[in-house]
Amino acid sequence: RLLLTSSPPHRLNPNIKSTDWATARKNHEIIKIERNATEVLMSKDGRVLECLTSNVVFGEGGRLVTVGEGVLEGIALKGLIEEYGVEVREVRVEEIQGFEKCWICNAVR
């Protein structure tokens, strides 16, 4: 179950973990637990970004797709891209229902 949210806004620099980001995401952790959902952050213009602590990968047919710009490229995602040829491109919120599957992977660097 996915919970789309545009607030807090995406990180200005996804490669930096700041105290502002930690504070802003606290309310989303509570909502995530209450709704038994995985949060997916989106930009104000409708692009899918990432989860609070994870990267997101979508599946359609035999292809895997992930978001490229504006997210922290964790080591798990990097491995998926290199080993399995995951397509890296912009993913729009409107596309989500068209994907057959969705996975998250840790965004630790």
PDB file of N, CA and C in Angstrom:
ATOM      1  N   ARG A   1       0.842  -1.172   0.000  1.00  0.00           N
ATOM      2  CA  ARG A   1       0.000   0.000   0.000  1.00  0.00           C
ATOM      3  C   ARG A   1       0.883   1.230   0.000  1.00  0.00           C
ATOM      4  N   LEU A   2       0.666   2.127  -0.957  1.00  0.00           N
ATOM      5  CA  LEU A   2       1.480   3.328  -1.077  1.00  0.00           C
ATOM      6  C   LEU A   2       0.710   4.548  -0.626  1.00  0.00           C
ATOM      7  N   LEU A   3       1.398   5.439   0.037  1.00  0.00           N
ATOM      8  CA  LEU A   3       0.837   6.712   0.478  1.00  0.00           C
ATOM      9  C   LEU A   3       1.647   7.799  -0.204  1.00  0.00           C
ATOM     10  N   LEU A   4       1.038   8.506  -1.152  1.00  0.00           N
ATOM     11  CA  LEU A   4       1.735   9.573  -1.871  1.00  0.00           C
ATOM     12  C   LEU A   4       1.655  10.861  -1.078  1.00  0.00           C
ATOM     13  N   THR A   5       2.768  11.561  -0.994  1.00  0.00           N
ATOM     14  CA  THR A   5       2.783  12.824  -0.280  1.00  0.00           C
ATOM     15  C   THR A   5       3.779  13.783  -0.905  1.00  0.00           C
ATOM     16  N   SER A   6       3.442  15.053  -0.912  1.00  0.00           N
ATOM     17  CA  SER A   6       4.375  16.059  -1.425  1.00  0.00           C
ATOM     18  C   SER A   6       4.879  16.936  -0.293  1.00  0.00           C
ATOM     19  N   SER A   7       4.514  16.606   0.905  1.00  0.00           N
ATOM     20  CA  SER A   7       4.973  17.373   2.053  1.00  0.00           C
ATOM     21  C   SER A   7       5.479  16.389   3.090  1.00  0.00           C
ATOM     22  N   PRO A   8       6.697  16.454   3.553  1.00  0.00           N
ATOM     23  CA  PRO A   8       7.628  17.549   3.349  1.00  0.00           C
ATOM     24  C   PRO A   8       8.118  17.560   1.911  1.00  0.00           C
ATOM     25  N   PRO A   9       8.558  18.727   1.466  1.00  0.00           N
ATOM     26  CA  PRO A   9       9.088  18.765   0.101  1.00  0.00           C
ATOM     27  C   PRO A   9      10.313  17.870  -0.009  1.00  0.00           C
ATOM     28  N   HIS A  10      10.621  17.490  -1.219  1.00  0.00           N
ATOM     29  CA  HIS A  10      11.801  16.655  -1.415  1.00  0.00           C
ATOM     30  C   HIS A  10      13.035  17.396  -0.914  1.00  0.00           C
ATOM     31  N   ARG A  11      14.056  16.635  -0.639  1.00  0.00           N
ATOM     32  CA  ARG A  11      15.293  17.230  -0.152  1.00  0.00           C
ATOM     33  C   ARG A  11      15.913  18.109  -1.232  1.00  0.00           C
ATOM     34  N   LEU A  12      16.435  19.260  -0.835  1.00  0.00           N
ATOM     35  CA  LEU A  12      17.093  20.128  -1.805  1.00  0.00           C
ATOM     36  C   LEU A  12      18.313  19.439  -2.389  1.00  0.00           C
ATOM     37  N   ASN A  13      19.024  18.698  -1.565  1.00  0.00           N
ATOM     38  CA  ASN A  13      20.156  17.902  -2.032  1.00  0.00           C
ATOM     39  C   ASN A  13      19.972  16.503  -1.468  1.00  0.00           C
ATOM     40  N   PRO A  14      19.557  15.548  -2.299  1.00  0.00           N
ATOM     41  CA  PRO A  14      19.265  14.207  -1.788  1.00  0.00           C
ATOM     42  C   PRO A  14      20.482  13.479  -1.242  1.00  0.00           C
ATOM     43  N   ASN A  15      21.681  13.976  -1.500  1.00  0.00           N
ATOM     44  CA  ASN A  15      22.892  13.330  -1.005  1.00  0.00           C
ATOM     45  C   ASN A  15      23.298  13.806   0.379  1.00  0.00           C
ATOM     46  N   ILE A  16      22.517  14.728   0.947  1.00  0.00           N
ATOM     47  CA  ILE A  16      22.825  15.272   2.275  1.00  0.00           C
ATOM     48  C   ILE A  16      21.655  14.997   3.210  1.00  0.00           C
ATOM     49  N   LYS A  17      21.943  14.414   4.354  1.00  0.00           N
ATOM     50  CA  LYS A  17      20.925  14.229   5.388  1.00  0.00           C
ATOM     51  C   LYS A  17      21.080  15.372   6.381  1.00  0.00           C
ATOM     52  N   SER A  18      20.074  16.234   6.452  1.00  0.00           N
ATOM     53  CA  SER A  18      20.152  17.404   7.323  1.00  0.00           C
ATOM     54  C   SER A  18      19.148  17.281   8.461  1.00  0.00           C
ATOM     55  N   THR A  19      19.321  18.102   9.478  1.00  0.00           N
ATOM     56  CA  THR A  19      18.374  18.097  10.597  1.00  0.00           C
ATOM     57  C   THR A  19      17.022  18.616  10.144  1.00  0.00           C
ATOM     58  N   ASP A  20      16.978  19.509   9.169  1.00  0.00           N
ATOM     59  CA  ASP A  20      15.696  19.989   8.641  1.00  0.00           C
ATOM     60  C   ASP A  20      14.896  18.828   8.061  1.00  0.00           C
ATOM     61  N   TRP A  21      15.576  17.973   7.320  1.00  0.00           N
ATOM     62  CA  TRP A  21      14.919  16.810   6.722  1.00  0.00           C
ATOM     63  C   TRP A  21      14.405  15.872   7.808  1.00  0.00           C
ATOM     64  N   ALA A  22      15.212  15.633   8.830  1.00  0.00           N
ATOM     65  CA  ALA A  22      14.812  14.727   9.917  1.00  0.00           C
ATOM     66  C   ALA A  22      13.577  15.255  10.629  1.00  0.00           C
ATOM     67  N   THR A  23      13.533  16.533  10.870  1.00  0.00           N
ATOM     68  CA  THR A  23      12.381  17.148  11.545  1.00  0.00           C
ATOM     69  C   THR A  23      11.141  17.095  10.657  1.00  0.00           C
ATOM     70  N   ALA A  24      11.295  17.427   9.404  1.00  0.00           N
ATOM     71  CA  ALA A  24      10.159  17.475   8.479  1.00  0.00           C
ATOM     72  C   ALA A  24       9.529  16.106   8.273  1.00  0.00           C
ATOM     73  N   ARG A  25      10.319  15.044   8.313  1.00  0.00           N
ATOM     74  CA  ARG A  25       9.787  13.713   8.031  1.00  0.00           C
ATOM     75  C   ARG A  25       9.140  13.047   9.234  1.00  0.00           C
ATOM     76  N   LYS A  26       9.304  13.601  10.427  1.00  0.00           N
ATOM     77  CA  LYS A  26       8.777  12.971  11.638  1.00  0.00           C
ATOM     78  C   LYS A  26       7.267  12.733  11.550  1.00  0.00           C
ATOM     79  N   ASN A  27       6.499  13.731  11.107  1.00  0.00           N
ATOM     80  CA  ASN A  27       5.048  13.561  10.988  1.00  0.00           C
ATOM     81  C   ASN A  27       4.680  12.472   9.993  1.00  0.00           C
ATOM     82  N   HIS A  28       5.478  12.308   8.966  1.00  0.00           N
ATOM     83  CA  HIS A  28       5.194  11.286   7.970  1.00  0.00           C
ATOM     84  C   HIS A  28       5.444   9.890   8.515  1.00  0.00           C
ATOM     85  N   GLU A  29       6.363   9.759   9.418  1.00  0.00           N
ATOM     86  CA  GLU A  29       6.592   8.457  10.063  1.00  0.00           C
ATOM     87  C   GLU A  29       5.343   8.048  10.852  1.00  0.00           C
ATOM     88  N   ILE A  30       4.725   9.002  11.534  1.00  0.00           N
ATOM     89  CA  ILE A  30       3.509   8.724  12.314  1.00  0.00           C
ATOM     90  C   ILE A  30       2.366   8.320  11.386  1.00  0.00           C
ATOM     91  N   ILE A  31       2.160   9.077  10.305  1.00  0.00           N
ATOM     92  CA  ILE A  31       1.096   8.774   9.351  1.00  0.00           C
ATOM     93  C   ILE A  31       1.319   7.403   8.721  1.00  0.00           C
ATOM     94  N   LYS A  32       2.556   7.099   8.411  1.00  0.00           N
ATOM     95  CA  LYS A  32       2.913   5.820   7.801  1.00  0.00           C
ATOM     96  C   LYS A  32       2.480   4.662   8.692  1.00  0.00           C
ATOM     97  N   ILE A  33       2.731   4.771   9.971  1.00  0.00           N
ATOM     98  CA  ILE A  33       2.358   3.725  10.925  1.00  0.00           C
ATOM     99  C   ILE A  33       0.842   3.642  11.065  1.00  0.00           C
ATOM    100  N   GLU A  34       0.191   4.801  11.211  1.00  0.00           N
ATOM    101  CA  GLU A  34      -1.264   4.831  11.396  1.00  0.00           C
ATOM    102  C   GLU A  34      -2.004   4.222  10.200  1.00  0.00           C
ATOM    103  N   ARG A  35      -1.517   4.448   9.015  1.00  0.00           N
ATOM    104  CA  ARG A  35      -2.208   3.984   7.805  1.00  0.00           C
ATOM    105  C   ARG A  35      -1.657   2.674   7.263  1.00  0.00           C
ATOM    106  N   ASN A  36      -0.664   2.125   7.950  1.00  0.00           N
ATOM    107  CA  ASN A  36      -0.045   0.881   7.511  1.00  0.00           C
ATOM    108  C   ASN A  36       0.325   0.946   6.031  1.00  0.00           C
ATOM    109  N   ALA A  37       1.081   1.979   5.702  1.00  0.00           N
ATOM    110  CA  ALA A  37       1.434   2.222   4.308  1.00  0.00           C
ATOM    111  C   ALA A  37       2.907   2.592   4.188  1.00  0.00           C
ATOM    112  N   THR A  38       3.426   2.486   2.997  1.00  0.00           N
ATOM    113  CA  THR A  38       4.759   2.962   2.685  1.00  0.00           C
ATOM    114  C   THR A  38       4.611   4.288   1.973  1.00  0.00           C
ATOM    115  N   GLU A  39       5.282   5.293   2.491  1.00  0.00           N
ATOM    116  CA  GLU A  39       5.171   6.621   1.908  1.00  0.00           C
ATOM    117  C   GLU A  39       6.048   6.732   0.677  1.00  0.00           C
ATOM    118  N   VAL A  40       5.547   7.419  -0.331  1.00  0.00           N
ATOM    119  CA  VAL A  40       6.330   7.738  -1.515  1.00  0.00           C
ATOM    120  C   VAL A  40       6.253   9.246  -1.686  1.00  0.00           C
ATOM    121  N   LEU A  41       7.401   9.877  -1.659  1.00  0.00           N
ATOM    122  CA  LEU A  41       7.440  11.323  -1.811  1.00  0.00           C
ATOM    123  C   LEU A  41       7.355  11.692  -3.279  1.00  0.00           C
ATOM    124  N   MET A  42       6.666  12.789  -3.545  1.00  0.00           N
ATOM    125  CA  MET A  42       6.569  13.271  -4.912  1.00  0.00           C
ATOM    126  C   MET A  42       6.904  14.752  -4.932  1.00  0.00           C
ATOM    127  N   SER A  43       7.325  15.216  -6.078  1.00  0.00           N
ATOM    128  CA  SER A  43       7.637  16.635  -6.228  1.00  0.00           C
ATOM    129  C   SER A  43       6.336  17.401  -6.430  1.00  0.00           C
ATOM    130  N   LYS A  44       6.419  18.699  -6.300  1.00  0.00           N
ATOM    131  CA  LYS A  44       5.216  19.516  -6.490  1.00  0.00           C
ATOM    132  C   LYS A  44       4.697  19.460  -7.924  1.00  0.00           C
ATOM    133  N   ASP A  45       5.554  19.059  -8.869  1.00  0.00           N
ATOM    134  CA  ASP A  45       5.106  18.957 -10.263  1.00  0.00           C
ATOM    135  C   ASP A  45       4.688  17.530 -10.644  1.00  0.00           C
ATOM    136  N   GLY A  46       4.533  16.643  -9.643  1.00  0.00           N
ATOM    137  CA  GLY A  46       3.965  15.326  -9.896  1.00  0.00           C
ATOM    138  C   GLY A  46       4.938  14.217 -10.240  1.00  0.00           C
ATOM    139  N   ARG A  47       6.227  14.430  -9.988  1.00  0.00           N
ATOM    140  CA  ARG A  47       7.202  13.364 -10.220  1.00  0.00           C
ATOM    141  C   ARG A  47       7.349  12.524  -8.962  1.00  0.00           C
ATOM    142  N   VAL A  48       7.420  11.215  -9.113  1.00  0.00           N
ATOM    143  CA  VAL A  48       7.707  10.324  -7.992  1.00  0.00           C
ATOM    144  C   VAL A  48       9.179  10.496  -7.647  1.00  0.00           C
ATOM    145  N   LEU A  49       9.495  10.543  -6.350  1.00  0.00           N
ATOM    146  CA  LEU A  49      10.876  10.710  -5.935  1.00  0.00           C
ATOM    147  C   LEU A  49      11.403   9.471  -5.236  1.00  0.00           C
ATOM    148  N   GLU A  50      11.101   9.324  -3.961  1.00  0.00           N
ATOM    149  CA  GLU A  50      11.626   8.220  -3.166  1.00  0.00           C
ATOM    150  C   GLU A  50      10.769   8.068  -1.923  1.00  0.00           C
ATOM    151  N   CYS A  51      11.066   7.067  -1.125  1.00  0.00           N
ATOM    152  CA  CYS A  51      10.423   6.918   0.172  1.00  0.00           C
ATOM    153  C   CYS A  51      11.288   7.663   1.195  1.00  0.00           C
ATOM    154  N   LEU A  52      10.838   7.729   2.436  1.00  0.00           N
ATOM    155  CA  LEU A  52      11.596   8.473   3.444  1.00  0.00           C
ATOM    156  C   LEU A  52      12.992   7.915   3.644  1.00  0.00           C
ATOM    157  N   THR A  53      13.128   6.589   3.613  1.00  0.00           N
ATOM    158  CA  THR A  53      14.438   5.972   3.833  1.00  0.00           C
ATOM    159  C   THR A  53      14.774   4.946   2.765  1.00  0.00           C
ATOM    160  N   SER A  54      14.031   4.934   1.686  1.00  0.00           N
ATOM    161  CA  SER A  54      14.200   3.887   0.674  1.00  0.00           C
ATOM    162  C   SER A  54      14.059   4.455  -0.728  1.00  0.00           C
ATOM    163  N   ASN A  55      14.639   3.739  -1.670  1.00  0.00           N
ATOM    164  CA  ASN A  55      14.400   4.007  -3.082  1.00  0.00           C
ATOM    165  C   ASN A  55      13.223   3.147  -3.513  1.00  0.00           C
ATOM    166  N   VAL A  56      12.587   3.537  -4.592  1.00  0.00           N
ATOM    167  CA  VAL A  56      11.421   2.808  -5.074  1.00  0.00           C
ATOM    168  C   VAL A  56      11.689   2.316  -6.500  1.00  0.00           C
ATOM    169  N   VAL A  57      11.254   1.081  -6.763  1.00  0.00           N
ATOM    170  CA  VAL A  57      11.420   0.451  -8.080  1.00  0.00           C
ATOM    171  C   VAL A  57      10.052  -0.085  -8.489  1.00  0.00           C
ATOM    172  N   PHE A  58       9.675   0.182  -9.726  1.00  0.00           N
ATOM    173  CA  PHE A  58       8.397  -0.289 -10.252  1.00  0.00           C
ATOM    174  C   PHE A  58       8.647  -1.340 -11.314  1.00  0.00           C
ATOM    175  N   GLY A  59       7.694  -2.260 -11.470  1.00  0.00           N
ATOM    176  CA  GLY A  59       7.799  -3.296 -12.482  1.00  0.00           C
ATOM    177  C   GLY A  59       6.636  -3.248 -13.434  1.00  0.00           C
ATOM    178  N   GLU A  60       6.936  -3.386 -14.722  1.00  0.00           N
ATOM    179  CA  GLU A  60       5.893  -3.458 -15.747  1.00  0.00           C
ATOM    180  C   GLU A  60       6.367  -4.427 -16.816  1.00  0.00           C
ATOM    181  N   GLY A  61       5.581  -5.463 -17.031  1.00  0.00           N
ATOM    182  CA  GLY A  61       6.017  -6.501 -17.957  1.00  0.00           C
ATOM    183  C   GLY A  61       7.293  -7.125 -17.427  1.00  0.00           C
ATOM    184  N   GLY A  62       8.289  -7.222 -18.242  1.00  0.00           N
ATOM    185  CA  GLY A  62       9.571  -7.748 -17.799  1.00  0.00           C
ATOM    186  C   GLY A  62      10.579  -6.666 -17.461  1.00  0.00           C
ATOM    187  N   ARG A  63      10.126  -5.416 -17.371  1.00  0.00           N
ATOM    188  CA  ARG A  63      11.035  -4.298 -17.126  1.00  0.00           C
ATOM    189  C   ARG A  63      10.930  -3.781 -15.706  1.00  0.00           C
ATOM    190  N   LEU A  64      12.043  -3.262 -15.204  1.00  0.00           N
ATOM    191  CA  LEU A  64      12.081  -2.579 -13.919  1.00  0.00           C
ATOM    192  C   LEU A  64      12.431  -1.119 -14.176  1.00  0.00           C
ATOM    193  N   VAL A  65      11.751  -0.222 -13.480  1.00  0.00           N
ATOM    194  CA  VAL A  65      11.919   1.210 -13.682  1.00  0.00           C
ATOM    195  C   VAL A  65      12.134   1.872 -12.330  1.00  0.00           C
ATOM    196  N   THR A  66      13.057   2.814 -12.267  1.00  0.00           N
ATOM    197  CA  THR A  66      13.264   3.585 -11.055  1.00  0.00           C
ATOM    198  C   THR A  66      13.471   5.044 -11.400  1.00  0.00           C
ATOM    199  N   VAL A  67      13.328   5.865 -10.400  1.00  0.00           N
ATOM    200  CA  VAL A  67      13.478   7.311 -10.546  1.00  0.00           C
ATOM    201  C   VAL A  67      14.964   7.646 -10.598  1.00  0.00           C
ATOM    202  N   GLY A  68      15.332   8.601 -11.417  1.00  0.00           N
ATOM    203  CA  GLY A  68      16.742   8.932 -11.533  1.00  0.00           C
ATOM    204  C   GLY A  68      17.156  10.209 -10.832  1.00  0.00           C
ATOM    205  N   GLU A  69      16.506  11.288 -11.125  1.00  0.00           N
ATOM    206  CA  GLU A  69      16.963  12.588 -10.664  1.00  0.00           C
ATOM    207  C   GLU A  69      16.289  12.997  -9.360  1.00  0.00           C
ATOM    208  N   GLY A  70      17.085  13.585  -8.455  1.00  0.00           N
ATOM    209  CA  GLY A  70      16.526  14.139  -7.230  1.00  0.00           C
ATOM    210  C   GLY A  70      16.382  13.162  -6.085  1.00  0.00           C
ATOM    211  N   VAL A  71      17.031  11.996  -6.173  1.00  0.00           N
ATOM    212  CA  VAL A  71      16.950  11.007  -5.100  1.00  0.00           C
ATOM    213  C   VAL A  71      18.348  10.527  -4.719  1.00  0.00           C
ATOM    214  N   LEU A  72      18.443  10.008  -3.519  1.00  0.00           N
ATOM    215  CA  LEU A  72      19.686   9.407  -3.070  1.00  0.00           C
ATOM    216  C   LEU A  72      19.828   8.044  -3.722  1.00  0.00           C
ATOM    217  N   GLU A  73      20.914   7.816  -4.425  1.00  0.00           N
ATOM    218  CA  GLU A  73      21.137   6.511  -5.041  1.00  0.00           C
ATOM    219  C   GLU A  73      21.812   5.615  -4.015  1.00  0.00           C
ATOM    220  N   GLY A  74      21.025   4.804  -3.344  1.00  0.00           N
ATOM    221  CA  GLY A  74      21.558   3.877  -2.354  1.00  0.00           C
ATOM    222  C   GLY A  74      22.317   2.742  -3.013  1.00  0.00           C
ATOM    223  N   ILE A  75      23.049   2.001  -2.207  1.00  0.00           N
ATOM    224  CA  ILE A  75      23.867   0.923  -2.768  1.00  0.00           C
ATOM    225  C   ILE A  75      23.020  -0.221  -3.324  1.00  0.00           C
ATOM    226  N   ALA A  76      21.875  -0.478  -2.719  1.00  0.00           N
ATOM    227  CA  ALA A  76      20.997  -1.540  -3.239  1.00  0.00           C
ATOM    228  C   ALA A  76      20.474  -1.153  -4.620  1.00  0.00           C
ATOM    229  N   LEU A  77      20.041   0.096  -4.762  1.00  0.00           N
ATOM    230  CA  LEU A  77      19.535   0.557  -6.055  1.00  0.00           C
ATOM    231  C   LEU A  77      20.651   0.558  -7.094  1.00  0.00           C
ATOM    232  N   LYS A  78      21.816   1.004  -6.709  1.00  0.00           N
ATOM    233  CA  LYS A  78      22.952   1.009  -7.631  1.00  0.00           C
ATOM    234  C   LYS A  78      23.227  -0.405  -8.142  1.00  0.00           C
ATOM    235  N   GLY A  79      23.176  -1.376  -7.247  1.00  0.00           N
ATOM    236  CA  GLY A  79      23.378  -2.772  -7.644  1.00  0.00           C
ATOM    237  C   GLY A  79      22.305  -3.257  -8.595  1.00  0.00           C
ATOM    238  N   LEU A  80      21.044  -2.895  -8.327  1.00  0.00           N
ATOM    239  CA  LEU A  80      19.952  -3.296  -9.220  1.00  0.00           C
ATOM    240  C   LEU A  80      20.131  -2.704 -10.612  1.00  0.00           C
ATOM    241  N   ILE A  81      20.526  -1.434 -10.651  1.00  0.00           N
ATOM    242  CA  ILE A  81      20.726  -0.767 -11.943  1.00  0.00           C
ATOM    243  C   ILE A  81      21.845  -1.451 -12.722  1.00  0.00           C
ATOM    244  N   GLU A  82      22.954  -1.718 -12.039  1.00  0.00           N
ATOM    245  CA  GLU A  82      24.116  -2.316 -12.707  1.00  0.00           C
ATOM    246  C   GLU A  82      23.889  -3.780 -13.081  1.00  0.00           C
ATOM    247  N   GLU A  83      23.302  -4.557 -12.190  1.00  0.00           N
ATOM    248  CA  GLU A  83      23.167  -6.002 -12.407  1.00  0.00           C
ATOM    249  C   GLU A  83      21.959  -6.396 -13.254  1.00  0.00           C
ATOM    250  N   TYR A  84      20.862  -5.654 -13.120  1.00  0.00           N
ATOM    251  CA  TYR A  84      19.621  -6.074 -13.777  1.00  0.00           C
ATOM    252  C   TYR A  84      19.115  -5.090 -14.826  1.00  0.00           C
ATOM    253  N   GLY A  85      19.898  -4.060 -15.097  1.00  0.00           N
ATOM    254  CA  GLY A  85      19.511  -3.114 -16.143  1.00  0.00           C
ATOM    255  C   GLY A  85      18.236  -2.356 -15.847  1.00  0.00           C
ATOM    256  N   VAL A  86      18.020  -1.996 -14.594  1.00  0.00           N
ATOM    257  CA  VAL A  86      16.838  -1.216 -14.239  1.00  0.00           C
ATOM    258  C   VAL A  86      16.868   0.097 -15.005  1.00  0.00           C
ATOM    259  N   GLU A  87      15.771   0.413 -15.658  1.00  0.00           N
ATOM    260  CA  GLU A  87      15.667   1.658 -16.419  1.00  0.00           C
ATOM    261  C   GLU A  87      15.550   2.828 -15.447  1.00  0.00           C
ATOM    262  N   VAL A  88      16.365   3.840 -15.637  1.00  0.00           N
ATOM    263  CA  VAL A  88      16.346   5.033 -14.789  1.00  0.00           C
ATOM    264  C   VAL A  88      15.731   6.159 -15.601  1.00  0.00           C
ATOM    265  N   ARG A  89      14.584   6.657 -15.125  1.00  0.00           N
ATOM    266  CA  ARG A  89      13.897   7.732 -15.841  1.00  0.00           C
ATOM    267  C   ARG A  89      12.924   8.437 -14.906  1.00  0.00           C
ATOM    268  N   GLU A  90      12.368   9.524 -15.384  1.00  0.00           N
ATOM    269  CA  GLU A  90      11.337  10.219 -14.624  1.00  0.00           C
ATOM    270  C   GLU A  90      10.102   9.336 -14.556  1.00  0.00           C
ATOM    271  N   VAL A  91       9.507   9.251 -13.366  1.00  0.00           N
ATOM    272  CA  VAL A  91       8.268   8.508 -13.184  1.00  0.00           C
ATOM    273  C   VAL A  91       7.235   9.498 -12.663  1.00  0.00           C
ATOM    274  N   ARG A  92       6.120   9.574 -13.341  1.00  0.00           N
ATOM    275  CA  ARG A  92       5.046  10.501 -12.970  1.00  0.00           C
ATOM    276  C   ARG A  92       4.040   9.787 -12.059  1.00  0.00           C
ATOM    277  N   VAL A  93       3.424  10.545 -11.190  1.00  0.00           N
ATOM    278  CA  VAL A  93       2.428   9.998 -10.264  1.00  0.00           C
ATOM    279  C   VAL A  93       1.315   9.287 -11.034  1.00  0.00           C
ATOM    280  N   GLU A  94       0.924   9.836 -12.169  1.00  0.00           N
ATOM    281  CA  GLU A  94      -0.163   9.243 -12.960  1.00  0.00           C
ATOM    282  C   GLU A  94       0.174   7.837 -13.460  1.00  0.00           C
ATOM    283  N   GLU A  95       1.448   7.514 -13.533  1.00  0.00           N
ATOM    284  CA  GLU A  95       1.881   6.210 -14.044  1.00  0.00           C
ATOM    285  C   GLU A  95       1.746   5.085 -13.021  1.00  0.00           C
ATOM    286  N   ILE A  96       1.699   5.411 -11.756  1.00  0.00           N
ATOM    287  CA  ILE A  96       1.813   4.404 -10.701  1.00  0.00           C
ATOM    288  C   ILE A  96       0.784   3.283 -10.852  1.00  0.00           C
ATOM    289  N   GLN A  97      -0.448   3.624 -11.139  1.00  0.00           N
ATOM    290  CA  GLN A  97      -1.480   2.591 -11.254  1.00  0.00           C
ATOM    291  C   GLN A  97      -1.238   1.650 -12.422  1.00  0.00           C
ATOM    292  N   GLY A  98      -0.445   2.061 -13.393  1.00  0.00           N
ATOM    293  CA  GLY A  98      -0.161   1.223 -14.543  1.00  0.00           C
ATOM    294  C   GLY A  98       0.933   0.190 -14.304  1.00  0.00           C
ATOM    295  N   PHE A  99       1.673   0.339 -13.218  1.00  0.00           N
ATOM    296  CA  PHE A  99       2.720  -0.628 -12.915  1.00  0.00           C
ATOM    297  C   PHE A  99       2.104  -1.856 -12.258  1.00  0.00           C
ATOM    298  N   GLU A 100       2.663  -3.010 -12.570  1.00  0.00           N
ATOM    299  CA  GLU A 100       2.172  -4.260 -11.997  1.00  0.00           C
ATOM    300  C   GLU A 100       2.685  -4.476 -10.575  1.00  0.00           C
ATOM    301  N   LYS A 101       3.907  -4.027 -10.316  1.00  0.00           N
ATOM    302  CA  LYS A 101       4.540  -4.272  -9.019  1.00  0.00           C
ATOM    303  C   LYS A 101       5.322  -3.055  -8.565  1.00  0.00           C
ATOM    304  N   CYS A 102       5.615  -3.052  -7.282  1.00  0.00           N
ATOM    305  CA  CYS A 102       6.401  -1.977  -6.693  1.00  0.00           C
ATOM    306  C   CYS A 102       7.244  -2.566  -5.567  1.00  0.00           C
ATOM    307  N   TRP A 103       8.516  -2.210  -5.535  1.00  0.00           N
ATOM    308  CA  TRP A 103       9.411  -2.644  -4.471  1.00  0.00           C
ATOM    309  C   TRP A 103      10.113  -1.424  -3.895  1.00  0.00           C
ATOM    310  N   ILE A 104      10.535  -1.553  -2.671  1.00  0.00           N
ATOM    311  CA  ILE A 104      11.405  -0.540  -2.087  1.00  0.00           C
ATOM    312  C   ILE A 104      12.705  -1.211  -1.685  1.00  0.00           C
ATOM    313  N   CYS A 105      13.779  -0.439  -1.729  1.00  0.00           N
ATOM    314  CA  CYS A 105      15.078  -0.966  -1.289  1.00  0.00           C
ATOM    315  C   CYS A 105      15.786   0.119  -0.476  1.00  0.00           C
ATOM    316  N   ASN A 106      16.527  -0.297   0.483  1.00  0.00           N
ATOM    317  CA  ASN A 106      17.195   0.611   1.396  1.00  0.00           C
ATOM    318  C   ASN A 106      18.026   1.628   0.631  1.00  0.00           C
ATOM    319  N   ALA A 107      17.959   2.882   1.063  1.00  0.00           N
ATOM    320  CA  ALA A 107      18.706   3.950   0.392  1.00  0.00           C
ATOM    321  C   ALA A 107      20.011   4.289   1.088  1.00  0.00           C
ATOM    322  N   VAL A 108      20.516   3.404   1.913  1.00  0.00           N
ATOM    323  CA  VAL A 108      21.776   3.650   2.607  1.00  0.00           C
ATOM    324  C   VAL A 108      22.898   3.709   1.588  1.00  0.00           C
ATOM    325  N   ARG A 109      23.822   4.624   1.814  1.00  0.00           N
ATOM    326  CA  ARG A 109      24.972   4.748   0.894  1.00  0.00           C
ATOM    327  C   ARG A 109      26.165   4.063   1.448  1.00  0.00           C
TER     328      ARG A 109
END
